[in-house]
Amino acid sequence: MPCRHEGFFGNDTLLPIVPRILTSVVMSGPSKDDALGGDSQSPNPESNDHEVVRDRITNRTFNEWYSEQQFQNNILEGQAYFNGPSPPKDPGQHTPSKLLQCHRKTSYARKNAPQEGTPPEGLFWIGSEFEEQVVVPFLQAMTTPNTYVTNSLWIDTEIAIGGTELSLRGSTDPTIVTADAEPLFVTEIKTTTSLDHLSEPKPHHRAQLHAYLYALDQEYDHSITEGMIVYGSRKTLNIESFHIQFDPNFWERVVDWMRTQTEYEQSTELPPATPERDWECNYCSFKHRCGEVETPYTDTGCDGLLPVFDKYDRQNLQEYLEAHEDRDARLTPTLAHHFPDLVEKFGVYDWRCSGCGASFDWNTVDWNGNGDDLPFCPDCAEAGDLVTLSGPEADSQLNAGRE
């Protein structure tokens, strides 16, 4: 199925019915005054303040608080472009950290398909802290009097292959440099659950380091052909390091992967699923959309929320709807039942029966949000035909499925 962009979410049959209701997007969680009912007076010593605090400490308020901290910090650091999803990438532009991975997963991520499950914020945080608080000081202690450590270097290079123009952009991990900040030796830092069965670096990590070496070698007038991939255990803080010498044959494989990925996207063709290992699909953020698990979805394009699917994380869902605001993105009826507080902000698609063509406001259909027990079309039921409203609700087009 091609990743199409015309119409609404790649479906020419979309019939938007309910006017979308949008209010201003609130990036932070509830304020202290809001939580206290708007009363900002001095607390009463006899009041149950501890109960107020107790009730505030929930997973949702924590996630909203943490998200707001990140949002503010990005602005403080002059990196506001990190707030919200990245814009879809040009087909020829590639990021070193995404190389040599499943072509389909890469397309989904590059085109901002809605991610399933919960984002691994904890893993990102641990990886960043391990690099900044542990590895960088360690590298500084290992340098010679003539060498130094820089947190990162920016790369931006062009590659032409067989008439296809490619570009590589991104930032390295800590790099050993001269006193003039010219790179000598590049590192790539990764954290992992265990080092026990790690006998060699993972191919996509090796590809990432090769991208840095290639780009820096092109930019500077001295040869830069060596680096190191350092894995750190999140459990023990032990490390395992692998010295990497630039390999032209391996790099040719990486460039060919980039060319193939670009050609898939230029043709608007949904790439095949090409995981390196079978178990990777179990941890993929797009496994339902792709069809690699036992659900009714398969080979779904890049646009739109999956029908009768409730496994979207709140933060991912909000980011997706905000990013597609100009395309009238809304909640599906299923998600409206699971996130009722988002209804006023984003609006909800109608149910629509493809059996008789009737449509119904999402909250006028008698249904409790259980995807295993879908509602019947009221009009078809009155005519003696029980037709189940069953999707794809994300496109306001509900297919009929006879009992």
Protein backbone atom coordinates (compact mmCIF):
# COMPACT_ATOMS: atom_id res chain seq x y z
CA MET A 1 0.00 0.00 0.00
CA PRO A 2 1.53 3.37 -0.97
CA CYS A 3 2.13 6.06 1.61
CA ARG A 4 -0.22 8.56 0.04
CA HIS A 5 -0.80 12.12 1.12
CA GLU A 6 -3.77 13.31 -0.91
CA GLY A 7 -7.18 13.61 0.69
CA PHE A 8 -7.40 12.79 4.37
CA PHE A 9 -4.85 10.37 5.74
CA GLY A 10 -4.42 8.56 2.44
CA ASN A 11 -8.08 7.55 2.07
CA ASP A 12 -10.03 9.06 -0.81
CA THR A 13 -13.33 7.89 0.71
CA LEU A 14 -12.99 9.89 3.91
CA LEU A 15 -16.19 11.72 4.73
CA PRO A 16 -15.52 14.16 7.59
CA ILE A 17 -18.80 14.86 9.33
CA VAL A 18 -18.36 16.32 12.78
CA PRO A 19 -16.86 19.84 12.86
CA ARG A 20 -13.53 19.67 14.60
CA ILE A 21 -13.35 21.47 17.93
CA LEU A 22 -9.94 22.86 18.82
CA THR A 23 -8.83 24.90 21.78
CA SER A 24 -5.35 26.14 22.53
CA VAL A 25 -2.89 23.34 23.17
CA VAL A 26 -1.77 23.28 26.80
CA MET A 27 1.75 21.94 27.05
CA SER A 28 1.92 21.69 30.82
CA GLY A 29 0.06 19.70 33.41
CA PRO A 30 -2.38 21.16 35.93
CA SER A 31 -1.08 24.11 37.92
CA LYS A 32 -0.94 24.07 41.67
CA ASP A 33 -3.83 26.53 41.91
CA ASP A 34 -5.90 24.46 39.48
CA ALA A 35 -5.34 21.36 41.54
CA LEU A 36 -6.52 23.24 44.62
CA GLY A 37 -9.65 24.43 42.89
CA GLY A 38 -8.23 27.86 42.05
CA ASP A 39 -7.73 28.90 45.66
CA SER A 40 -4.31 30.55 45.99
CA GLN A 41 -4.75 31.67 49.58
CA SER A 42 -2.46 30.49 52.34
CA PRO A 43 -3.14 26.86 53.24
CA ASN A 44 -5.21 26.15 56.28
CA PRO A 45 -3.11 24.18 58.81
CA GLU A 46 -6.16 22.05 59.50
CA SER A 47 -6.83 21.28 55.83
CA ASN A 48 -6.03 17.92 54.28
CA ASP A 49 -3.13 19.17 52.21
CA HIS A 50 -1.47 15.78 52.32
CA GLU A 51 -4.50 14.31 50.56
CA VAL A 52 -4.22 16.92 47.82
CA VAL A 53 -0.56 16.04 47.33
CA ARG A 54 -1.33 12.32 47.46
CA ASP A 55 -4.00 12.64 44.79
CA ARG A 56 -1.69 14.62 42.52
CA ILE A 57 0.96 11.91 42.43
CA THR A 58 -0.20 9.80 39.49
CA ASN A 59 1.39 8.43 36.36
CA ARG A 60 -0.48 10.94 34.21
CA THR A 61 0.55 14.01 36.23
CA PHE A 62 4.13 12.73 36.33
CA ASN A 63 4.21 12.27 32.55
CA GLU A 64 2.74 15.74 32.00
CA TRP A 65 5.24 17.26 34.44
CA TYR A 66 8.19 15.48 32.84
CA SER A 67 7.03 16.45 29.34
CA GLU A 68 6.82 20.09 30.41
CA GLN A 69 10.34 19.96 31.89
CA GLN A 70 11.68 18.71 28.57
CA PHE A 71 9.68 21.31 26.64
CA GLN A 72 11.04 24.17 28.75
CA ASN A 73 14.59 22.84 28.71
CA ASN A 74 14.61 22.60 24.91
CA ILE A 75 13.63 26.26 24.71
CA LEU A 76 16.22 27.20 27.34
CA GLU A 77 18.95 25.40 25.37
CA GLY A 78 17.90 27.00 22.07
CA GLN A 79 16.59 23.68 20.78
CA ALA A 80 12.86 24.39 20.51
CA TYR A 81 12.86 22.39 17.27
CA PHE A 82 13.00 19.25 19.45
CA ASN A 83 9.52 20.03 20.82
CA GLY A 84 6.96 17.94 18.98
CA PRO A 85 7.55 15.55 16.10
CA SER A 86 10.09 16.32 13.41
CA PRO A 87 8.72 17.32 9.99
CA PRO A 88 8.69 14.50 7.42
CA LYS A 89 12.12 14.15 5.84
CA ASP A 90 12.96 14.63 2.21
CA PRO A 91 13.35 11.17 0.60
CA GLY A 92 17.05 11.77 -0.03
CA GLN A 93 17.90 12.97 3.48
CA HIS A 94 19.12 10.39 5.99
CA THR A 95 20.05 10.36 9.67
CA PRO A 96 23.00 8.21 10.80
CA SER A 97 21.09 6.69 13.73
CA LYS A 98 18.40 5.29 11.39
CA LEU A 99 20.65 3.54 8.89
CA LEU A 100 20.54 -0.17 8.06
CA GLN A 101 17.24 -0.80 9.84
CA CYS A 102 13.94 -2.23 8.65
CA HIS A 103 12.91 -0.26 5.55
CA ARG A 104 9.24 -0.20 6.50
CA LYS A 105 9.87 0.85 10.10
CA THR A 106 12.14 3.60 8.81
CA SER A 107 9.46 4.92 6.44
CA TYR A 108 6.84 4.92 9.18
CA ALA A 109 9.16 6.90 11.47
CA ARG A 110 10.31 9.33 8.75
CA LYS A 111 6.72 10.09 7.73
CA ASN A 112 5.51 10.49 11.33
CA ALA A 113 3.08 7.58 11.35
CA PRO A 114 1.38 7.42 14.79
CA GLN A 115 3.50 5.33 17.12
CA GLU A 116 1.96 2.51 19.12
CA GLY A 117 2.72 1.69 22.72
CA THR A 118 4.65 3.82 25.18
CA PRO A 119 7.72 5.84 24.12
CA PRO A 120 10.94 4.60 25.78
CA GLU A 121 11.65 7.86 27.58
CA GLY A 122 13.46 6.02 30.36
CA LEU A 123 15.88 4.39 27.94
CA PHE A 124 16.58 7.74 26.26
CA TRP A 125 17.22 9.40 29.61
CA ILE A 126 19.51 6.64 30.83
CA GLY A 127 21.43 6.67 27.55
CA SER A 128 21.93 10.42 27.71
CA GLU A 129 22.95 10.41 31.36
CA PHE A 130 25.35 7.50 30.85
CA GLU A 131 27.05 9.33 28.01
CA GLU A 132 27.24 12.75 29.65
CA GLN A 133 27.87 11.81 33.28
CA VAL A 134 29.95 8.65 32.89
CA VAL A 135 31.53 8.21 29.46
CA VAL A 136 32.60 11.80 28.76
CA PRO A 137 34.47 12.19 32.09
CA PHE A 138 36.02 8.76 31.52
CA LEU A 139 37.22 9.73 28.04
CA GLN A 140 38.61 12.99 29.40
CA ALA A 141 40.63 11.00 31.92
CA MET A 142 41.96 8.78 29.13
CA THR A 143 43.14 11.56 26.79
CA THR A 144 46.77 12.56 26.28
CA PRO A 145 48.16 16.07 26.92
CA ASN A 146 47.64 16.85 23.22
CA THR A 147 44.06 15.60 22.85
CA TYR A 148 40.68 16.67 24.12
CA VAL A 149 37.04 15.52 24.16
CA THR A 150 34.16 17.29 22.48
CA ASN A 151 30.56 16.31 23.20
CA SER A 152 29.61 16.13 19.54
CA LEU A 153 30.36 17.30 16.01
CA TRP A 154 27.79 18.15 13.36
CA ILE A 155 27.97 16.36 10.01
CA ASP A 156 26.31 17.34 6.76
CA THR A 157 27.50 15.64 3.60
CA GLU A 158 26.21 14.75 0.14
CA ILE A 159 26.49 11.42 -1.66
CA ALA A 160 25.63 10.75 -5.31
CA ILE A 161 25.05 7.16 -6.40
CA GLY A 162 23.59 5.99 -9.69
CA GLY A 163 21.78 9.26 -10.34
CA THR A 164 20.29 9.38 -6.82
CA GLU A 165 21.26 12.29 -4.60
CA LEU A 166 21.60 11.43 -0.91
CA SER A 167 22.45 13.53 2.12
CA LEU A 168 23.57 12.64 5.64
CA ARG A 169 22.94 14.97 8.56
CA GLY A 170 23.35 14.46 12.27
CA SER A 171 25.57 14.82 15.34
CA THR A 172 28.27 12.47 16.54
CA ASP A 173 28.70 11.20 20.07
CA PRO A 174 31.82 12.27 22.05
CA THR A 175 34.84 12.63 19.80
CA ILE A 176 38.56 12.85 20.52
CA VAL A 177 39.89 16.05 18.94
CA THR A 178 43.03 18.18 18.68
CA ALA A 179 43.55 21.49 20.45
CA ASP A 180 42.02 23.07 17.34
CA ALA A 181 38.92 20.86 17.75
CA GLU A 182 39.71 18.81 14.66
CA PRO A 183 38.47 15.22 15.00
CA LEU A 184 40.87 12.32 15.39
CA PHE A 185 38.79 9.46 16.79
CA VAL A 186 34.98 9.12 16.91
CA THR A 187 33.01 7.18 19.51
CA GLU A 188 29.44 5.89 19.44
CA ILE A 189 27.91 5.25 22.88
CA LYS A 190 25.07 2.78 23.41
CA THR A 191 23.43 1.36 26.51
CA THR A 192 22.05 -2.16 26.68
CA THR A 193 20.36 -4.46 29.16
CA SER A 194 23.21 -6.98 29.23
CA LEU A 195 26.68 -7.42 27.75
CA ASP A 196 26.66 -11.19 28.21
CA HIS A 197 26.01 -12.19 24.60
CA LEU A 198 27.54 -9.19 22.88
CA SER A 199 30.38 -10.54 20.72
CA GLU A 200 30.35 -7.83 18.05
CA PRO A 201 28.69 -4.47 17.41
CA LYS A 202 25.21 -4.43 15.92
CA PRO A 203 25.23 -3.70 12.16
CA HIS A 204 23.13 -0.53 12.38
CA HIS A 205 25.42 0.84 15.12
CA ARG A 206 28.41 0.07 12.92
CA ALA A 207 26.63 1.81 10.03
CA GLN A 208 26.03 4.87 12.20
CA LEU A 209 29.71 5.16 13.10
CA HIS A 210 30.71 4.65 9.46
CA ALA A 211 28.46 7.54 8.48
CA TYR A 212 30.28 9.83 10.90
CA LEU A 213 33.69 8.65 9.75
CA TYR A 214 32.81 9.10 6.08
CA ALA A 215 31.38 12.60 6.57
CA LEU A 216 34.22 13.87 8.75
CA ASP A 217 36.84 12.37 6.45
CA GLN A 218 35.28 14.33 3.56
CA GLU A 219 35.29 17.58 5.53
CA TYR A 220 38.81 17.65 6.99
CA ASP A 221 42.15 17.57 5.20
CA HIS A 222 43.49 14.70 7.28
CA SER A 223 42.32 11.10 7.29
CA ILE A 224 39.63 10.10 9.82
CA THR A 225 39.10 6.37 9.53
CA GLU A 226 38.93 5.04 13.10
CA GLY A 227 36.33 4.97 15.81
CA MET A 228 34.96 2.93 18.66
CA ILE A 229 31.51 1.67 19.64
CA VAL A 230 31.14 1.52 23.43
CA TYR A 231 28.28 -0.45 24.98
CA GLY A 232 27.39 0.18 28.61
CA SER A 233 25.26 -2.10 30.76
CA ARG A 234 22.31 -0.30 32.32
CA LYS A 235 22.43 -2.82 35.16
CA THR A 236 26.11 -3.09 36.06
CA LEU A 237 27.69 -0.05 34.34
CA ASN A 238 30.29 -2.42 32.85
CA ILE A 239 31.36 -1.53 29.32
CA GLU A 240 32.34 -3.45 26.19
CA SER A 241 34.18 -1.56 23.46
CA PHE A 242 34.79 -2.42 19.79
CA HIS A 243 37.45 -0.73 17.72
CA ILE A 244 36.10 0.07 14.23
CA GLN A 245 38.20 0.71 11.14
CA PHE A 246 36.37 2.26 8.21
CA ASP A 247 35.46 -0.55 5.80
CA PRO A 248 34.72 0.61 2.20
CA ASN A 249 32.84 -2.63 1.41
CA PHE A 250 30.59 -2.30 4.44
CA TRP A 251 30.05 1.39 3.64
CA GLU A 252 28.95 0.44 0.13
CA ARG A 253 26.26 -1.75 1.70
CA VAL A 254 25.09 1.19 3.84
CA VAL A 255 24.96 3.57 0.86
CA ASP A 256 22.99 1.00 -1.12
CA TRP A 257 20.51 0.79 1.78
CA MET A 258 20.10 4.59 1.70
CA ARG A 259 19.56 4.56 -2.06
CA THR A 260 16.93 1.82 -1.79
CA GLN A 261 15.11 3.63 1.04
CA THR A 262 15.09 6.84 -0.99
CA GLU A 263 13.72 5.11 -4.06
CA TYR A 264 10.88 3.53 -2.05
CA GLU A 265 9.86 6.92 -0.72
CA GLN A 266 10.22 8.71 -4.05
CA SER A 267 7.83 6.18 -5.59
CA THR A 268 5.40 6.55 -2.61
CA GLU A 269 5.65 2.78 -2.25
CA LEU A 270 5.33 1.18 1.16
CA PRO A 271 8.66 -0.64 1.66
CA PRO A 272 8.78 -4.29 2.65
CA ALA A 273 9.27 -5.26 6.28
CA THR A 274 12.96 -6.18 6.53
CA PRO A 275 13.96 -6.63 10.20
CA GLU A 276 17.46 -7.90 10.88
CA ARG A 277 16.11 -10.35 13.46
CA ASP A 278 12.61 -11.78 13.90
CA TRP A 279 12.31 -10.63 17.52
CA GLU A 280 12.69 -6.98 16.50
CA CYS A 281 9.05 -6.85 15.38
CA ASN A 282 7.90 -7.52 18.94
CA TYR A 283 9.47 -4.25 20.07
CA CYS A 284 8.59 -2.14 17.03
CA SER A 285 6.43 0.96 17.54
CA PHE A 286 4.52 0.15 14.34
CA LYS A 287 4.01 -3.62 14.65
CA HIS A 288 0.19 -3.46 14.48
CA ARG A 289 0.16 -1.07 11.52
CA CYS A 290 2.67 -3.27 9.73
CA GLY A 291 0.74 -6.49 10.41
CA GLU A 292 3.47 -8.37 12.27
CA VAL A 293 1.18 -9.30 15.16
CA GLU A 294 -2.17 -11.07 15.39
CA THR A 295 -4.46 -8.12 14.71
CA PRO A 296 -6.72 -7.31 11.74
CA TYR A 297 -4.26 -4.79 10.30
CA THR A 298 -1.66 -5.47 7.63
CA ASP A 299 0.53 -3.43 5.29
CA THR A 300 -1.19 -0.22 6.42
CA GLY A 301 0.10 3.02 4.91
CA CYS A 302 1.80 5.81 6.82
CA ASP A 303 -1.23 8.03 7.47
CA GLY A 304 -4.10 7.79 9.91
CA LEU A 305 -4.90 6.15 13.22
CA LEU A 306 -5.74 2.46 13.23
CA PRO A 307 -9.45 1.67 13.60
CA VAL A 308 -10.76 0.18 16.84
CA PHE A 309 -7.24 0.35 18.29
CA ASP A 310 -6.63 1.66 21.79
CA LYS A 311 -2.92 0.98 22.36
CA TYR A 312 -1.74 4.49 21.56
CA ASP A 313 0.18 6.25 24.31
CA ARG A 314 -1.37 9.55 25.35
CA GLN A 315 1.74 11.61 24.60
CA ASN A 316 2.30 9.99 21.20
CA LEU A 317 -1.36 10.46 20.33
CA GLN A 318 -1.38 14.14 21.23
CA GLU A 319 1.81 14.79 19.29
CA TYR A 320 0.38 13.04 16.24
CA LEU A 321 -2.89 15.02 16.32
CA GLU A 322 -1.09 18.31 16.86
CA ALA A 323 1.35 17.59 14.02
CA HIS A 324 -1.58 16.89 11.65
CA GLU A 325 -3.77 19.74 12.85
CA ASP A 326 -3.80 21.35 9.40
CA ARG A 327 -5.18 18.10 7.95
CA ASP A 328 -8.15 17.97 10.30
CA ALA A 329 -6.83 15.09 12.39
CA ARG A 330 -9.24 13.91 15.07
CA LEU A 331 -9.73 11.15 17.60
CA THR A 332 -11.35 7.92 16.51
CA PRO A 333 -14.52 6.94 18.44
CA THR A 334 -12.49 4.24 20.19
CA LEU A 335 -9.87 6.72 21.38
CA ALA A 336 -12.57 9.21 22.37
CA HIS A 337 -13.83 6.60 24.84
CA HIS A 338 -10.31 6.04 26.21
CA PHE A 339 -9.26 9.72 26.30
CA PRO A 340 -12.51 11.66 26.85
CA ASP A 341 -10.65 14.74 28.11
CA LEU A 342 -9.06 15.16 24.66
CA VAL A 343 -12.39 15.26 22.83
CA GLU A 344 -12.98 19.00 23.15
CA LYS A 345 -9.44 19.80 22.03
CA PHE A 346 -9.28 17.59 18.95
CA GLY A 347 -12.82 16.54 18.04
CA VAL A 348 -13.94 13.04 17.00
CA TYR A 349 -14.73 11.34 13.71
CA ASP A 350 -18.25 9.97 13.23
CA TRP A 351 -19.18 6.34 13.02
CA ARG A 352 -20.24 5.48 9.49
CA CYS A 353 -21.76 2.21 8.31
CA SER A 354 -20.52 1.05 4.94
CA GLY A 355 -23.49 -1.30 4.77
CA CYS A 356 -26.16 1.40 4.51
CA GLY A 357 -24.04 4.56 4.40
CA ALA A 358 -25.57 6.04 7.55
CA SER A 359 -23.36 8.04 9.88
CA PHE A 360 -23.68 8.69 13.60
CA ASP A 361 -22.13 11.08 16.07
CA TRP A 362 -19.61 9.08 18.08
CA ASN A 363 -21.32 9.60 21.45
CA THR A 364 -24.83 8.79 20.22
CA VAL A 365 -23.91 5.16 19.58
CA ASP A 366 -24.50 2.88 22.57
CA TRP A 367 -21.01 1.49 23.11
CA ASN A 368 -18.60 1.25 26.03
CA GLY A 369 -15.35 1.35 24.05
CA ASN A 370 -14.74 -2.42 24.10
CA GLY A 371 -13.09 -3.29 20.79
CA ASP A 372 -14.10 -6.94 21.16
CA ASP A 373 -17.79 -6.05 21.29
CA LEU A 374 -18.42 -3.47 18.57
CA PRO A 375 -21.75 -1.64 18.24
CA PHE A 376 -24.39 -2.42 15.64
CA CYS A 377 -25.62 0.09 13.09
CA PRO A 378 -28.99 1.34 14.45
CA ASP A 379 -30.48 1.77 10.97
CA CYS A 380 -29.50 -1.69 9.79
CA ALA A 381 -30.79 -3.20 13.04
CA GLU A 382 -34.20 -1.57 12.54
CA ALA A 383 -34.38 -3.08 9.04
CA GLY A 384 -33.70 -6.53 10.47
CA ASP A 385 -30.07 -6.61 9.37
CA LEU A 386 -27.51 -6.54 12.21
CA VAL A 387 -24.46 -4.84 10.71
CA THR A 388 -21.53 -4.17 13.02
CA LEU A 389 -19.87 -0.76 12.95
CA SER A 390 -16.30 -1.92 12.71
CA GLY A 391 -13.90 0.51 10.99
CA PRO A 392 -11.81 2.04 9.70
CA GLU A 393 -13.18 4.67 12.03
CA ALA A 394 -9.96 6.67 11.67
CA ASP A 395 -11.15 7.57 8.18
CA SER A 396 -14.79 8.07 9.21
CA GLN A 397 -15.56 5.02 7.09
CA LEU A 398 -16.85 2.03 9.08
CA ASN A 399 -16.88 -1.23 7.19
CA ALA A 400 -19.84 -3.50 7.62
CA GLY A 401 -19.22 -6.95 9.06
CA ARG A 402 -22.22 -9.25 9.18
CA GLU A 403 -22.70 -11.45 12.24
